[in-house]
Each structure stands twice: as structure tokens, then as C-alpha cells.
Amino acid sequence: MLQGFASGKVADLVRDLYSGALKQRNEHAVGVIDTTLGDDEVGLLFARERHGLQFPTNIEVFSVVPPAFDELHRWLRDQSLRPETDAGTEQDAVDATGSELEAD
């Protein structure tokens, strides 16, 4: 998908099929969690940010994000907001704590 397609029609078809597969995967994962996690049981799920899973209302969800991840997230966000002219150069970035992170 990142390489592009010969036509917009093909791109739309691939995007729709990908979105449908992702939706089915998420629905299946939530269904498995809902049927296997009993009342008063605890489960642990590692998922990426913006995972798109919609848990049933009887499941209480807690998100745990370590401080180091927050610093990395802020650095990545700042890098994505950099002007296009800086995007191809390698420069050291300094995060809010003053430690250096190398740009790739």
C-alpha cells in the first residue's frame, strides 16, 4: 500500500479490503476476549496505540503507558511536524528531559 497503485480504483479496492480485514480481526479479538474472560477475572492485553478495539461495556479497561514511551511519543510527534527540508538530514534531537535522541 505504501508503494502506490496504478489507478485510484485499485487503491480504493485495496483500502476497502484492508479496512474490512482489520475490522474483522478486531471483532474476532474482542469476541475471543469476551467469551474467554469470565466474571471477576483479570486479563492482560498488549496492544498498540489507537488499536481500534471496542470492548464490551462489562469489561473495564486500564491503559498503562510508561513515562519513557510518552517521551518517545512526543519526540516522534515533533519529528513528524518538522519541515520537509529537515526530513532527510540526520540531526540529534533533544527531548524535554535534555537527553539526546538520534533521528533516523
PDB file of N, CA and C in Angstrom:
ATOM      1  N   MET A   1       0.818  -1.190   0.000  1.00  0.00           N
ATOM      2  CA  MET A   1       0.000   0.000   0.000  1.00  0.00           C
ATOM      3  C   MET A   1       0.862   1.253   0.000  1.00  0.00           C
ATOM      4  N   LEU A   2       2.063   1.169   0.604  1.00  0.00           N
ATOM      5  CA  LEU A   2       2.917   2.341   0.669  1.00  0.00           C
ATOM      6  C   LEU A   2       3.552   2.678  -0.678  1.00  0.00           C
ATOM      7  N   GLN A   3       3.615   1.713  -1.588  1.00  0.00           N
ATOM      8  CA  GLN A   3       4.248   1.933  -2.881  1.00  0.00           C
ATOM      9  C   GLN A   3       3.349   2.680  -3.851  1.00  0.00           C
ATOM     10  N   GLY A   4       2.074   2.709  -3.597  1.00  0.00           N
ATOM     11  CA  GLY A   4       1.146   3.361  -4.507  1.00  0.00           C
ATOM     12  C   GLY A   4       0.583   2.370  -5.509  1.00  0.00           C
ATOM     13  N   PHE A   5      -0.432   2.774  -6.227  1.00  0.00           N
ATOM     14  CA  PHE A   5      -1.099   1.901  -7.181  1.00  0.00           C
ATOM     15  C   PHE A   5      -1.220   2.602  -8.526  1.00  0.00           C
ATOM     16  N   ALA A   6      -1.430   1.784  -9.552  1.00  0.00           N
ATOM     17  CA  ALA A   6      -1.522   2.320 -10.907  1.00  0.00           C
ATOM     18  C   ALA A   6      -2.779   3.170 -11.108  1.00  0.00           C
ATOM     19  N   SER A   7      -3.831   2.858 -10.347  1.00  0.00           N
ATOM     20  CA  SER A   7      -5.059   3.634 -10.520  1.00  0.00           C
ATOM     21  C   SER A   7      -5.725   3.865  -9.171  1.00  0.00           C
ATOM     22  N   GLY A   8      -6.553   4.880  -9.136  1.00  0.00           N
ATOM     23  CA  GLY A   8      -7.302   5.187  -7.924  1.00  0.00           C
ATOM     24  C   GLY A   8      -8.303   4.107  -7.584  1.00  0.00           C
ATOM     25  N   LYS A   9      -8.847   3.441  -8.617  1.00  0.00           N
ATOM     26  CA  LYS A   9      -9.824   2.382  -8.396  1.00  0.00           C
ATOM     27  C   LYS A   9      -9.187   1.212  -7.644  1.00  0.00           C
ATOM     28  N   VAL A  10      -7.969   0.850  -8.029  1.00  0.00           N
ATOM     29  CA  VAL A  10      -7.252  -0.232  -7.354  1.00  0.00           C
ATOM     30  C   VAL A  10      -6.916   0.182  -5.920  1.00  0.00           C
ATOM     31  N   ALA A  11      -6.474   1.403  -5.741  1.00  0.00           N
ATOM     32  CA  ALA A  11      -6.154   1.900  -4.405  1.00  0.00           C
ATOM     33  C   ALA A  11      -7.385   1.864  -3.503  1.00  0.00           C
ATOM     34  N   ASP A  12      -8.530   2.275  -4.031  1.00  0.00           N
ATOM     35  CA  ASP A  12      -9.773   2.248  -3.248  1.00  0.00           C
ATOM     36  C   ASP A  12     -10.152   0.814  -2.874  1.00  0.00           C
ATOM     37  N   LEU A  13     -10.016  -0.104  -3.823  1.00  0.00           N
ATOM     38  CA  LEU A  13     -10.344  -1.504  -3.571  1.00  0.00           C
ATOM     39  C   LEU A  13      -9.453  -2.091  -2.490  1.00  0.00           C
ATOM     40  N   VAL A  14      -8.152  -1.855  -2.592  1.00  0.00           N
ATOM     41  CA  VAL A  14      -7.207  -2.376  -1.599  1.00  0.00           C
ATOM     42  C   VAL A  14      -7.476  -1.762  -0.234  1.00  0.00           C
ATOM     43  N   ARG A  15      -7.736  -0.458  -0.197  1.00  0.00           N
ATOM     44  CA  ARG A  15      -8.028   0.210   1.074  1.00  0.00           C
ATOM     45  C   ARG A  15      -9.287  -0.372   1.712  1.00  0.00           C
ATOM     46  N   ASP A  16     -10.329  -0.586   0.909  1.00  0.00           N
ATOM     47  CA  ASP A  16     -11.576  -1.145   1.434  1.00  0.00           C
ATOM     48  C   ASP A  16     -11.381  -2.576   1.943  1.00  0.00           C
ATOM     49  N   LEU A  17     -10.649  -3.381   1.186  1.00  0.00           N
ATOM     50  CA  LEU A  17     -10.393  -4.761   1.616  1.00  0.00           C
ATOM     51  C   LEU A  17      -9.550  -4.787   2.891  1.00  0.00           C
ATOM     52  N   TYR A  18      -8.550  -3.930   2.971  1.00  0.00           N
ATOM     53  CA  TYR A  18      -7.709  -3.848   4.160  1.00  0.00           C
ATOM     54  C   TYR A  18      -8.531  -3.411   5.371  1.00  0.00           C
ATOM     55  N   SER A  19      -9.359  -2.392   5.189  1.00  0.00           N
ATOM     56  CA  SER A  19     -10.204  -1.908   6.291  1.00  0.00           C
ATOM     57  C   SER A  19     -11.164  -2.993   6.758  1.00  0.00           C
ATOM     58  N   GLY A  20     -11.737  -3.730   5.818  1.00  0.00           N
ATOM     59  CA  GLY A  20     -12.650  -4.821   6.169  1.00  0.00           C
ATOM     60  C   GLY A  20     -11.943  -5.928   6.933  1.00  0.00           C
ATOM     61  N   ALA A  21     -10.736  -6.290   6.497  1.00  0.00           N
ATOM     62  CA  ALA A  21      -9.971  -7.333   7.189  1.00  0.00           C
ATOM     63  C   ALA A  21      -9.587  -6.880   8.593  1.00  0.00           C
ATOM     64  N   LEU A  22      -9.202  -5.621   8.730  1.00  0.00           N
ATOM     65  CA  LEU A  22      -8.850  -5.084  10.037  1.00  0.00           C
ATOM     66  C   LEU A  22     -10.053  -5.081  10.972  1.00  0.00           C
ATOM     67  N   LYS A  23     -11.212  -4.712  10.456  1.00  0.00           N
ATOM     68  CA  LYS A  23     -12.438  -4.706  11.258  1.00  0.00           C
ATOM     69  C   LYS A  23     -12.791  -6.118  11.711  1.00  0.00           C
ATOM     70  N   GLN A  24     -12.687  -7.092  10.802  1.00  0.00           N
ATOM     71  CA  GLN A  24     -12.970  -8.486  11.158  1.00  0.00           C
ATOM     72  C   GLN A  24     -11.998  -8.991  12.212  1.00  0.00           C
ATOM     73  N   ARG A  25     -10.721  -8.643  12.063  1.00  0.00           N
ATOM     74  CA  ARG A  25      -9.715  -9.065  13.043  1.00  0.00           C
ATOM     75  C   ARG A  25     -10.036  -8.502  14.420  1.00  0.00           C
ATOM     76  N   ASN A  26     -10.370  -7.212  14.490  1.00  0.00           N
ATOM     77  CA  ASN A  26     -10.697  -6.582  15.765  1.00  0.00           C
ATOM     78  C   ASN A  26     -11.944  -7.193  16.391  1.00  0.00           C
ATOM     79  N   GLU A  27     -12.969  -7.443  15.576  1.00  0.00           N
ATOM     80  CA  GLU A  27     -14.192  -8.055  16.091  1.00  0.00           C
ATOM     81  C   GLU A  27     -13.918  -9.459  16.626  1.00  0.00           C
ATOM     82  N   HIS A  28     -13.076 -10.211  15.933  1.00  0.00           N
ATOM     83  CA  HIS A  28     -12.729 -11.562  16.388  1.00  0.00           C
ATOM     84  C   HIS A  28     -11.971 -11.504  17.718  1.00  0.00           C
ATOM     85  N   ALA A  29     -10.991 -10.597  17.812  1.00  0.00           N
ATOM     86  CA  ALA A  29     -10.206 -10.474  19.047  1.00  0.00           C
ATOM     87  C   ALA A  29     -11.099 -10.117  20.228  1.00  0.00           C
ATOM     88  N   VAL A  30     -11.989  -9.162  20.036  1.00  0.00           N
ATOM     89  CA  VAL A  30     -12.898  -8.764  21.118  1.00  0.00           C
ATOM     90  C   VAL A  30     -13.848  -9.908  21.463  1.00  0.00           C
ATOM     91  N   GLY A  31     -14.303 -10.640  20.472  1.00  0.00           N
ATOM     92  CA  GLY A  31     -15.176 -11.786  20.721  1.00  0.00           C
ATOM     93  C   GLY A  31     -14.490 -12.861  21.542  1.00  0.00           C
ATOM     94  N   VAL A  32     -13.238 -13.146  21.221  1.00  0.00           N
ATOM     95  CA  VAL A  32     -12.482 -14.143  21.986  1.00  0.00           C
ATOM     96  C   VAL A  32     -12.289 -13.673  23.418  1.00  0.00           C
ATOM     97  N   ILE A  33     -11.941 -12.416  23.596  1.00  0.00           N
ATOM     98  CA  ILE A  33     -11.771 -11.871  24.951  1.00  0.00           C
ATOM     99  C   ILE A  33     -13.080 -11.957  25.713  1.00  0.00           C
ATOM    100  N   ASP A  34     -14.172 -11.573  25.090  1.00  0.00           N
ATOM    101  CA  ASP A  34     -15.477 -11.561  25.753  1.00  0.00           C
ATOM    102  C   ASP A  34     -15.926 -12.964  26.159  1.00  0.00           C
ATOM    103  N   THR A  35     -15.650 -13.966  25.328  1.00  0.00           N
ATOM    104  CA  THR A  35     -16.114 -15.324  25.645  1.00  0.00           C
ATOM    105  C   THR A  35     -15.179 -16.064  26.590  1.00  0.00           C
ATOM    106  N   THR A  36     -13.905 -15.708  26.631  1.00  0.00           N
ATOM    107  CA  THR A  36     -12.969 -16.454  27.482  1.00  0.00           C
ATOM    108  C   THR A  36     -12.706 -15.795  28.825  1.00  0.00           C
ATOM    109  N   LEU A  37     -12.905 -14.503  28.936  1.00  0.00           N
ATOM    110  CA  LEU A  37     -12.673 -13.801  30.193  1.00  0.00           C
ATOM    111  C   LEU A  37     -13.938 -13.861  31.035  1.00  0.00           C
ATOM    112  N   GLY A  38     -13.872 -14.621  32.115  1.00  0.00           N
ATOM    113  CA  GLY A  38     -15.049 -14.798  32.958  1.00  0.00           C
ATOM    114  C   GLY A  38     -15.297 -13.612  33.874  1.00  0.00           C
ATOM    115  N   ASP A  39     -16.461 -13.652  34.552  1.00  0.00           N
ATOM    116  CA  ASP A  39     -16.792 -12.610  35.523  1.00  0.00           C
ATOM    117  C   ASP A  39     -15.742 -12.603  36.626  1.00  0.00           C
ATOM    118  N   ASP A  40     -15.351 -11.423  37.070  1.00  0.00           N
ATOM    119  CA  ASP A  40     -14.365 -11.229  38.128  1.00  0.00           C
ATOM    120  C   ASP A  40     -12.995 -11.801  37.786  1.00  0.00           C
ATOM    121  N   GLU A  41     -12.693 -11.994  36.509  1.00  0.00           N
ATOM    122  CA  GLU A  41     -11.356 -12.411  36.087  1.00  0.00           C
ATOM    123  C   GLU A  41     -10.618 -11.202  35.520  1.00  0.00           C
ATOM    124  N   VAL A  42      -9.302 -11.310  35.525  1.00  0.00           N
ATOM    125  CA  VAL A  42      -8.452 -10.239  35.036  1.00  0.00           C
ATOM    126  C   VAL A  42      -7.671 -10.749  33.839  1.00  0.00           C
ATOM    127  N   GLY A  43      -7.538  -9.912  32.847  1.00  0.00           N
ATOM    128  CA  GLY A  43      -6.743 -10.258  31.676  1.00  0.00           C
ATOM    129  C   GLY A  43      -5.757  -9.153  31.374  1.00  0.00           C
ATOM    130  N   LEU A  44      -4.749  -9.495  30.584  1.00  0.00           N
ATOM    131  CA  LEU A  44      -3.739  -8.529  30.184  1.00  0.00           C
ATOM    132  C   LEU A  44      -3.604  -8.579  28.676  1.00  0.00           C
ATOM    133  N   LEU A  45      -3.733  -7.432  28.038  1.00  0.00           N
ATOM    134  CA  LEU A  45      -3.638  -7.350  26.586  1.00  0.00           C
ATOM    135  C   LEU A  45      -2.635  -6.265  26.225  1.00  0.00           C
ATOM    136  N   PHE A  46      -1.661  -6.632  25.409  1.00  0.00           N
ATOM    137  CA  PHE A  46      -0.714  -5.656  24.895  1.00  0.00           C
ATOM    138  C   PHE A  46      -1.190  -5.258  23.508  1.00  0.00           C
ATOM    139  N   ALA A  47      -1.459  -3.987  23.327  1.00  0.00           N
ATOM    140  CA  ALA A  47      -1.967  -3.504  22.047  1.00  0.00           C
ATOM    141  C   ALA A  47      -1.291  -2.184  21.714  1.00  0.00           C
ATOM    142  N   ARG A  48      -1.209  -1.929  20.442  1.00  0.00           N
ATOM    143  CA  ARG A  48      -0.605  -0.665  20.008  1.00  0.00           C
ATOM    144  C   ARG A  48      -1.577   0.483  20.277  1.00  0.00           C
ATOM    145  N   GLU A  49      -1.021   1.648  20.239  1.00  0.00           N
ATOM    146  CA  GLU A  49      -1.828   2.848  20.399  1.00  0.00           C
ATOM    147  C   GLU A  49      -2.826   2.938  19.249  1.00  0.00           C
ATOM    148  N   ARG A  50      -4.012   3.429  19.522  1.00  0.00           N
ATOM    149  CA  ARG A  50      -5.091   3.540  18.524  1.00  0.00           C
ATOM    150  C   ARG A  50      -5.398   2.194  17.878  1.00  0.00           C
ATOM    151  N   HIS A  51      -5.545   1.185  18.696  1.00  0.00           N
ATOM    152  CA  HIS A  51      -5.774  -0.176  18.210  1.00  0.00           C
ATOM    153  C   HIS A  51      -7.148  -0.364  17.591  1.00  0.00           C
ATOM    154  N   GLY A  52      -8.125   0.436  17.973  1.00  0.00           N
ATOM    155  CA  GLY A  52      -9.451   0.353  17.377  1.00  0.00           C
ATOM    156  C   GLY A  52     -10.351  -0.722  17.960  1.00  0.00           C
ATOM    157  N   LEU A  53      -9.928  -1.397  19.007  1.00  0.00           N
ATOM    158  CA  LEU A  53     -10.759  -2.433  19.622  1.00  0.00           C
ATOM    159  C   LEU A  53     -11.871  -1.779  20.436  1.00  0.00           C
ATOM    160  N   GLN A  54     -13.085  -2.276  20.264  1.00  0.00           N
ATOM    161  CA  GLN A  54     -14.241  -1.778  21.008  1.00  0.00           C
ATOM    162  C   GLN A  54     -14.672  -2.866  21.989  1.00  0.00           C
ATOM    163  N   PHE A  55     -14.293  -2.707  23.243  1.00  0.00           N
ATOM    164  CA  PHE A  55     -14.588  -3.728  24.249  1.00  0.00           C
ATOM    165  C   PHE A  55     -16.028  -3.624  24.727  1.00  0.00           C
ATOM    166  N   PRO A  56     -16.608  -4.761  25.132  1.00  0.00           N
ATOM    167  CA  PRO A  56     -17.965  -4.747  25.693  1.00  0.00           C
ATOM    168  C   PRO A  56     -18.014  -3.880  26.949  1.00  0.00           C
ATOM    169  N   THR A  57     -19.191  -3.389  27.274  1.00  0.00           N
ATOM    170  CA  THR A  57     -19.334  -2.473  28.413  1.00  0.00           C
ATOM    171  C   THR A  57     -19.054  -3.148  29.751  1.00  0.00           C
ATOM    172  N   ASN A  58     -19.113  -4.486  29.803  1.00  0.00           N
ATOM    173  CA  ASN A  58     -18.855  -5.165  31.070  1.00  0.00           C
ATOM    174  C   ASN A  58     -17.355  -5.369  31.321  1.00  0.00           C
ATOM    175  N   ILE A  59     -16.508  -4.925  30.422  1.00  0.00           N
ATOM    176  CA  ILE A  59     -15.058  -5.029  30.588  1.00  0.00           C
ATOM    177  C   ILE A  59     -14.504  -3.657  30.918  1.00  0.00           C
ATOM    178  N   GLU A  60     -13.796  -3.585  32.044  1.00  0.00           N
ATOM    179  CA  GLU A  60     -13.172  -2.332  32.454  1.00  0.00           C
ATOM    180  C   GLU A  60     -11.740  -2.318  31.924  1.00  0.00           C
ATOM    181  N   VAL A  61     -11.362  -1.255  31.229  1.00  0.00           N
ATOM    182  CA  VAL A  61     -10.064  -1.172  30.576  1.00  0.00           C
ATOM    183  C   VAL A  61      -9.210  -0.107  31.250  1.00  0.00           C
ATOM    184  N   PHE A  62      -7.960  -0.469  31.561  1.00  0.00           N
ATOM    185  CA  PHE A  62      -6.985   0.468  32.099  1.00  0.00           C
ATOM    186  C   PHE A  62      -5.824   0.523  31.116  1.00  0.00           C
ATOM    187  N   SER A  63      -5.436   1.711  30.742  1.00  0.00           N
ATOM    188  CA  SER A  63      -4.277   1.876  29.863  1.00  0.00           C
ATOM    189  C   SER A  63      -3.076   2.275  30.701  1.00  0.00           C
ATOM    190  N   VAL A  64      -1.984   1.555  30.521  1.00  0.00           N
ATOM    191  CA  VAL A  64      -0.751   1.838  31.244  1.00  0.00           C
ATOM    192  C   VAL A  64       0.301   2.233  30.219  1.00  0.00           C
ATOM    193  N   VAL A  65       0.832   3.429  30.377  1.00  0.00           N
ATOM    194  CA  VAL A  65       1.839   3.939  29.449  1.00  0.00           C
ATOM    195  C   VAL A  65       3.043   4.388  30.272  1.00  0.00           C
ATOM    196  N   PRO A  66       4.201   3.747  30.069  1.00  0.00           N
ATOM    197  CA  PRO A  66       5.381   4.155  30.832  1.00  0.00           C
ATOM    198  C   PRO A  66       5.869   5.535  30.412  1.00  0.00           C
ATOM    199  N   PRO A  67       6.500   6.273  31.330  1.00  0.00           N
ATOM    200  CA  PRO A  67       6.981   7.621  31.009  1.00  0.00           C
ATOM    201  C   PRO A  67       7.933   7.647  29.812  1.00  0.00           C
ATOM    202  N   ALA A  68       8.768   6.637  29.670  1.00  0.00           N
ATOM    203  CA  ALA A  68       9.703   6.616  28.535  1.00  0.00           C
ATOM    204  C   ALA A  68       8.943   6.571  27.213  1.00  0.00           C
ATOM    205  N   PHE A  69       7.835   5.869  27.175  1.00  0.00           N
ATOM    206  CA  PHE A  69       7.037   5.811  25.960  1.00  0.00           C
ATOM    207  C   PHE A  69       6.452   7.176  25.646  1.00  0.00           C
ATOM    208  N   ASP A  70       6.038   7.893  26.682  1.00  0.00           N
ATOM    209  CA  ASP A  70       5.490   9.226  26.476  1.00  0.00           C
ATOM    210  C   ASP A  70       6.544  10.148  25.869  1.00  0.00           C
ATOM    211  N   GLU A  71       7.775  10.059  26.357  1.00  0.00           N
ATOM    212  CA  GLU A  71       8.854  10.883  25.808  1.00  0.00           C
ATOM    213  C   GLU A  71       9.105  10.524  24.346  1.00  0.00           C
ATOM    214  N   LEU A  72       9.125   9.227  24.034  1.00  0.00           N
ATOM    215  CA  LEU A  72       9.329   8.779  22.661  1.00  0.00           C
ATOM    216  C   LEU A  72       8.177   9.240  21.769  1.00  0.00           C
ATOM    217  N   HIS A  73       6.967   9.121  22.272  1.00  0.00           N
ATOM    218  CA  HIS A  73       5.786   9.547  21.515  1.00  0.00           C
ATOM    219  C   HIS A  73       5.871  11.035  21.185  1.00  0.00           C
ATOM    220  N   ARG A  74       6.247  11.848  22.160  1.00  0.00           N
ATOM    221  CA  ARG A  74       6.378  13.287  21.921  1.00  0.00           C
ATOM    222  C   ARG A  74       7.471  13.572  20.895  1.00  0.00           C
ATOM    223  N   TRP A  75       8.597  12.846  20.980  1.00  0.00           N
ATOM    224  CA  TRP A  75       9.694  13.049  20.033  1.00  0.00           C
ATOM    225  C   TRP A  75       9.247  12.684  18.617  1.00  0.00           C
ATOM    226  N   LEU A  76       8.567  11.552  18.470  1.00  0.00           N
ATOM    227  CA  LEU A  76       8.082  11.140  17.153  1.00  0.00           C
ATOM    228  C   LEU A  76       7.088  12.144  16.595  1.00  0.00           C
ATOM    229  N   ARG A  77       6.195  12.646  17.454  1.00  0.00           N
ATOM    230  CA  ARG A  77       5.232  13.657  17.020  1.00  0.00           C
ATOM    231  C   ARG A  77       5.948  14.905  16.545  1.00  0.00           C
ATOM    232  N   ASP A  78       6.948  15.361  17.308  1.00  0.00           N
ATOM    233  CA  ASP A  78       7.700  16.550  16.933  1.00  0.00           C
ATOM    234  C   ASP A  78       8.445  16.338  15.617  1.00  0.00           C
ATOM    235  N   GLN A  79       8.982  15.129  15.403  1.00  0.00           N
ATOM    236  CA  GLN A  79       9.689  14.843  14.159  1.00  0.00           C
ATOM    237  C   GLN A  79       8.742  14.888  12.970  1.00  0.00           C
ATOM    238  N   SER A  80       7.522  14.408  13.173  1.00  0.00           N
ATOM    239  CA  SER A  80       6.564  14.412  12.063  1.00  0.00           C
ATOM    240  C   SER A  80       6.106  15.825  11.715  1.00  0.00           C
ATOM    241  N   LEU A  81       6.262  16.767  12.635  1.00  0.00           N
ATOM    242  CA  LEU A  81       5.852  18.146  12.395  1.00  0.00           C
ATOM    243  C   LEU A  81       6.985  19.000  11.826  1.00  0.00           C
ATOM    244  N   ARG A  82       8.197  18.417  11.744  1.00  0.00           N
ATOM    245  CA  ARG A  82       9.337  19.163  11.206  1.00  0.00           C
ATOM    246  C   ARG A  82       9.102  19.496   9.737  1.00  0.00           C
ATOM    247  N   PRO A  83       9.643  20.617   9.276  1.00  0.00           N
ATOM    248  CA  PRO A  83       9.502  20.971   7.859  1.00  0.00           C
ATOM    249  C   PRO A  83      10.145  19.916   6.968  1.00  0.00           C
ATOM    250  N   GLU A  84       9.646  19.777   5.756  1.00  0.00           N
ATOM    251  CA  GLU A  84      10.142  18.799   4.783  1.00  0.00           C
ATOM    252  C   GLU A  84      11.640  18.950   4.547  1.00  0.00           C
ATOM    253  N   THR A  85      12.180  20.152   4.620  1.00  0.00           N
ATOM    254  CA  THR A  85      13.602  20.375   4.332  1.00  0.00           C
ATOM    255  C   THR A  85      14.498  19.687   5.341  1.00  0.00           C
ATOM    256  N   ASP A  86      14.036  19.479   6.575  1.00  0.00           N
ATOM    257  CA  ASP A  86      14.830  18.824   7.600  1.00  0.00           C
ATOM    258  C   ASP A  86      14.635  17.309   7.602  1.00  0.00           C
ATOM    259  N   ALA A  87      13.647  16.814   6.885  1.00  0.00           N
ATOM    260  CA  ALA A  87      13.272  15.410   6.984  1.00  0.00           C
ATOM    261  C   ALA A  87      14.378  14.459   6.563  1.00  0.00           C
ATOM    262  N   GLY A  88      15.207  14.824   5.581  1.00  0.00           N
ATOM    263  CA  GLY A  88      16.211  13.908   5.085  1.00  0.00           C
ATOM    264  C   GLY A  88      17.553  14.022   5.774  1.00  0.00           C
ATOM    265  N   THR A  89      17.754  14.976   6.640  1.00  0.00           N
ATOM    266  CA  THR A  89      19.049  15.155   7.285  1.00  0.00           C
ATOM    267  C   THR A  89      19.087  14.447   8.620  1.00  0.00           C
ATOM    268  N   GLU A  90      20.279  13.974   8.990  1.00  0.00           N
ATOM    269  CA  GLU A  90      20.436  13.353  10.290  1.00  0.00           C
ATOM    270  C   GLU A  90      20.860  14.421  11.285  1.00  0.00           C
ATOM    271  N   GLN A  91      20.050  14.604  12.292  1.00  0.00           N
ATOM    272  CA  GLN A  91      20.337  15.577  13.337  1.00  0.00           C
ATOM    273  C   GLN A  91      19.971  14.956  14.666  1.00  0.00           C
ATOM    274  N   ASP A  92      20.681  15.386  15.726  1.00  0.00           N
ATOM    275  CA  ASP A  92      20.306  14.952  17.059  1.00  0.00           C
ATOM    276  C   ASP A  92      19.176  15.825  17.553  1.00  0.00           C
ATOM    277  N   ALA A  93      18.204  15.211  18.193  1.00  0.00           N
ATOM    278  CA  ALA A  93      17.085  15.952  18.769  1.00  0.00           C
ATOM    279  C   ALA A  93      17.196  15.874  20.282  1.00  0.00           C
ATOM    280  N   VAL A  94      16.815  16.919  20.961  1.00  0.00           N
ATOM    281  CA  VAL A  94      16.853  16.933  22.409  1.00  0.00           C
ATOM    282  C   VAL A  94      15.417  16.950  22.912  1.00  0.00           C
ATOM    283  N   ASP A  95      15.083  15.967  23.762  1.00  0.00           N
ATOM    284  CA  ASP A  95      13.721  15.913  24.268  1.00  0.00           C
ATOM    285  C   ASP A  95      13.574  16.819  25.490  1.00  0.00           C
ATOM    286  N   ALA A  96      12.412  16.807  26.103  1.00  0.00           N
ATOM    287  CA  ALA A  96      12.109  17.709  27.205  1.00  0.00           C
ATOM    288  C   ALA A  96      13.004  17.470  28.409  1.00  0.00           C
ATOM    289  N   THR A  97      13.574  16.268  28.563  1.00  0.00           N
ATOM    290  CA  THR A  97      14.420  15.983  29.727  1.00  0.00           C
ATOM    291  C   THR A  97      15.866  16.377  29.489  1.00  0.00           C
ATOM    292  N   GLY A  98      16.191  16.774  28.250  1.00  0.00           N
ATOM    293  CA  GLY A  98      17.542  17.187  27.941  1.00  0.00           C
ATOM    294  C   GLY A  98      18.422  16.082  27.411  1.00  0.00           C
ATOM    295  N   SER A  99      17.940  14.852  27.352  1.00  0.00           N
ATOM    296  CA  SER A  99      18.741  13.754  26.812  1.00  0.00           C
ATOM    297  C   SER A  99      18.642  13.749  25.306  1.00  0.00           C
ATOM    298  N   GLU A 100      19.662  13.219  24.641  1.00  0.00           N
ATOM    299  CA  GLU A 100      19.700  13.246  23.191  1.00  0.00           C
ATOM    300  C   GLU A 100      19.097  11.985  22.599  1.00  0.00           C
ATOM    301  N   LEU A 101      18.313  12.163  21.556  1.00  0.00           N
ATOM    302  CA  LEU A 101      17.775  11.066  20.768  1.00  0.00           C
ATOM    303  C   LEU A 101      18.239  11.284  19.342  1.00  0.00           C
ATOM    304  N   GLU A 102      18.740  10.235  18.694  1.00  0.00           N
ATOM    305  CA  GLU A 102      19.202  10.403  17.320  1.00  0.00           C
ATOM    306  C   GLU A 102      18.046  10.213  16.359  1.00  0.00           C
ATOM    307  N   ALA A 103      17.961  11.066  15.377  1.00  0.00           N
ATOM    308  CA  ALA A 103      16.953  10.942  14.334  1.00  0.00           C
ATOM    309  C   ALA A 103      17.446   9.941  13.317  1.00  0.00           C
ATOM    310  N   ASP A 104      16.558   9.096  12.805  1.00  0.00           N
ATOM    311  CA  ASP A 104      16.930   8.133  11.766  1.00  0.00           C
ATOM    312  C   ASP A 104      16.540   8.638  10.411  1.00  0.00           C
TER     313      ASP A 104
END
